[in-house]
Each structure stands twice: as structure tokens, then as C-alpha cells.
Protein backbone atom coordinates (compact mmCIF):
# COMPACT_ATOMS: atom_id res chain seq x y z
CA MET A 1 95.95 246.30 230.30
CA ASP A 2 94.20 243.13 231.27
CA ASP A 3 95.56 239.70 230.45
CA GLU A 4 92.53 238.69 228.39
CA ASN A 5 93.13 241.36 225.74
CA THR A 6 96.90 240.90 225.55
CA SER A 7 96.78 237.10 225.23
CA LYS A 8 94.07 236.91 222.55
CA GLN A 9 95.44 235.79 219.21
CA PRO A 10 94.02 237.64 216.20
CA THR A 11 91.61 235.59 214.11
CA ALA A 12 91.82 235.26 210.33
CA PHE A 13 88.86 237.69 210.30
CA ASP A 14 91.01 240.21 212.19
CA LEU A 15 94.03 239.61 209.96
CA ILE A 16 91.98 240.17 206.80
CA GLY A 17 90.79 243.50 208.16
CA GLY A 18 87.29 242.75 209.39
CA GLU A 19 84.01 243.24 207.60
CA PRO A 20 85.05 245.99 205.13
CA ARG A 21 87.94 243.97 203.70
CA LEU A 22 85.93 240.75 203.71
CA GLN A 23 83.11 242.53 201.87
CA ALA A 24 85.63 243.74 199.28
CA LEU A 25 86.96 240.19 198.93
CA THR A 26 83.54 238.62 198.35
CA GLU A 27 82.59 241.39 195.91
CA ARG A 28 85.79 240.84 193.93
CA PHE A 29 85.32 237.05 194.00
CA TYR A 30 81.89 237.28 192.39
CA ALA A 31 82.96 240.02 189.96
CA LEU A 32 85.82 237.81 188.75
CA MET A 33 83.50 234.82 188.47
CA ASP A 34 81.15 236.89 186.33
CA LEU A 35 83.89 238.45 184.15
CA GLU A 36 86.66 235.89 183.65
CA PRO A 37 86.13 233.21 180.97
CA GLY A 38 88.34 230.84 182.98
CA TYR A 39 85.61 230.60 185.62
CA ALA A 40 82.75 229.87 183.18
CA GLU A 41 81.82 226.46 184.60
CA LEU A 42 81.81 227.85 188.12
CA ARG A 43 79.67 230.80 187.03
CA ALA A 44 77.22 228.45 185.31
CA THR A 45 76.41 226.80 188.65
CA HIS A 46 75.12 230.09 190.11
CA GLY A 47 72.03 231.06 188.12
CA SER A 48 71.28 234.45 186.60
CA THR A 49 72.29 236.71 189.50
CA LEU A 50 75.06 236.53 192.08
CA ASP A 51 73.77 238.94 194.76
CA GLU A 52 72.25 236.32 197.06
CA ALA A 53 75.25 233.99 196.78
CA GLN A 54 77.60 236.90 197.46
CA GLN A 55 75.70 237.90 200.60
CA LYS A 56 75.60 234.33 201.89
CA LEU A 57 79.31 233.82 201.27
CA PHE A 58 80.10 237.05 203.12
CA TRP A 59 77.97 235.95 206.09
CA PHE A 60 79.52 232.49 206.08
CA LEU A 61 83.12 233.71 205.80
CA CYS A 62 82.63 236.19 208.64
CA GLY A 63 81.87 233.36 211.06
CA TRP A 64 84.20 230.79 209.52
CA LEU A 65 87.13 233.18 209.83
CA GLY A 66 86.39 233.99 213.48
CA GLY A 67 84.20 237.08 213.19
CA PRO A 68 80.46 237.55 213.69
CA ASP A 69 78.43 234.41 213.00
CA TYR A 70 75.90 236.07 210.69
CA PHE A 71 75.16 232.97 208.62
CA VAL A 72 74.08 230.93 211.63
CA GLU A 73 72.09 233.87 213.03
CA LYS A 74 70.23 234.52 209.76
CA ILE A 75 69.98 231.10 208.10
CA GLY A 76 71.05 228.41 210.57
CA HIS A 77 73.82 225.83 210.55
CA PRO A 78 75.81 226.07 207.30
CA ARG A 79 75.42 222.37 206.34
CA LEU A 80 77.70 223.21 203.42
CA ARG A 81 77.63 219.88 201.64
CA ALA A 82 73.86 219.50 201.93
CA ARG A 83 73.23 223.07 200.75
CA HIS A 84 75.45 222.53 197.69
CA MET A 85 74.11 219.08 196.75
CA PRO A 86 71.68 220.49 194.11
CA PHE A 87 74.66 221.88 192.17
CA ALA A 88 76.96 219.72 190.07
CA ILE A 89 80.39 220.20 191.63
CA GLY A 90 83.28 218.31 190.10
CA ILE A 91 87.01 218.82 189.92
CA LYS A 92 86.72 221.65 187.39
CA GLU A 93 84.23 223.62 189.53
CA ARG A 94 86.30 222.97 192.66
CA ASP A 95 89.49 224.15 191.00
CA GLN A 96 87.80 227.21 189.48
CA TRP A 97 86.29 228.20 192.88
CA VAL A 98 89.68 227.98 194.59
CA ALA A 99 91.47 229.79 191.74
CA CYS A 100 88.85 232.55 191.66
CA MET A 101 89.10 233.02 195.44
CA ASP A 102 92.89 233.04 195.25
CA GLN A 103 92.79 235.71 192.54
CA ALA A 104 90.30 237.75 194.59
CA MET A 105 92.52 237.45 197.68
CA LEU A 106 95.57 238.52 195.67
CA GLU A 107 93.76 241.48 194.11
CA THR A 108 92.31 242.68 197.43
CA GLY A 109 95.67 242.54 199.21
CA ILE A 110 95.24 239.62 201.58
CA PRO A 111 98.71 239.10 203.13
CA GLU A 112 100.63 236.21 201.52
CA PRO A 113 100.99 233.95 204.59
CA LEU A 114 97.27 234.25 205.33
CA ARG A 115 96.39 233.77 201.66
CA GLU A 116 98.41 230.54 201.57
CA ARG A 117 96.77 229.27 204.75
CA LEU A 118 93.30 230.10 203.49
CA ASN A 119 93.98 228.51 200.11
CA GLU A 120 94.77 225.21 201.85
CA SER A 121 91.55 225.40 203.86
CA PHE A 122 89.49 226.45 200.85
CA MET A 123 90.86 223.54 198.79
CA GLN A 124 90.03 221.03 201.53
CA THR A 125 86.50 222.38 201.86
CA ALA A 126 85.96 222.68 198.10
CA ASP A 127 87.16 219.11 197.58
CA TRP A 128 84.78 217.88 200.27
CA MET A 129 81.93 219.64 198.42
CA ARG A 130 82.48 217.64 195.24
CA ASN A 131 79.44 215.57 194.38
CA ARG A 132 80.41 214.24 190.96
CA ASN A 133 83.50 212.81 189.30
CA GLY A 134 85.50 214.77 186.78
């Protein structure tokens, strides 16, 4: 065994289970958003279909979690705040996004310590995306 392989810490992408598990997570996230009345305001920000948003989130999360950087390869720098500026994002939308993702992580079996760590990061990012009060 070489030292490079034995000293490498697993990324969050690795801990989730790679692309198949991350695909399941993003699919569940958007299914919940579409089905659960508690995420109605969040769903309303997405237009009539969710397929494109789901694909983009999957690409983004792959790279953000330490896996392949598909979003950058296919679209360019994420520029998250700028890309979300056309959508009204307030506290309610932020909280619904984080709650929906937490429910999706729980339902797809993301390990509890990782889920807690990701929830903190998701909340920080979602709060930074807010572009309106309330």
C-alpha cells in the first residue's frame, strides 16, 4: 500500500456513498418538495417542472461534497447567490429548503453525524442566499 491512499481522508461525497446515493438524495429532495404541503413556498419558486433544478443540484453537490466537479465542467462557476437572485428567497424559503433536505437525508439513510454536519453547512449557505426579508 502506498502512503497516498492510506492517508487520504474520505470526503463527504465518499461518506454519502458516491453518485448513486447522491442521486437518490436529490431525487428524494425534489419529490418531497413536490409532494409535501409544508414545502409549498419553496416549491413555488421552482416553476412547473423540477427536472433541470434536480440535475443542477446533483451536479453541484457532487463537486461541493468533494466528488466530480460536474457543475463547473458543464455550466461554469456556481455563483450561487447570483444564480438565485431572480428568485424571492426569504426566511420561509430558506427554512423549507433546509428542512426538505434534512428530511431527504433522513429518508435516504445519510449517517447522523454527516447529516448534522451537512445541515449546518446547508443552513449557512441557504441563509447567505436570502435576498428578501421575512
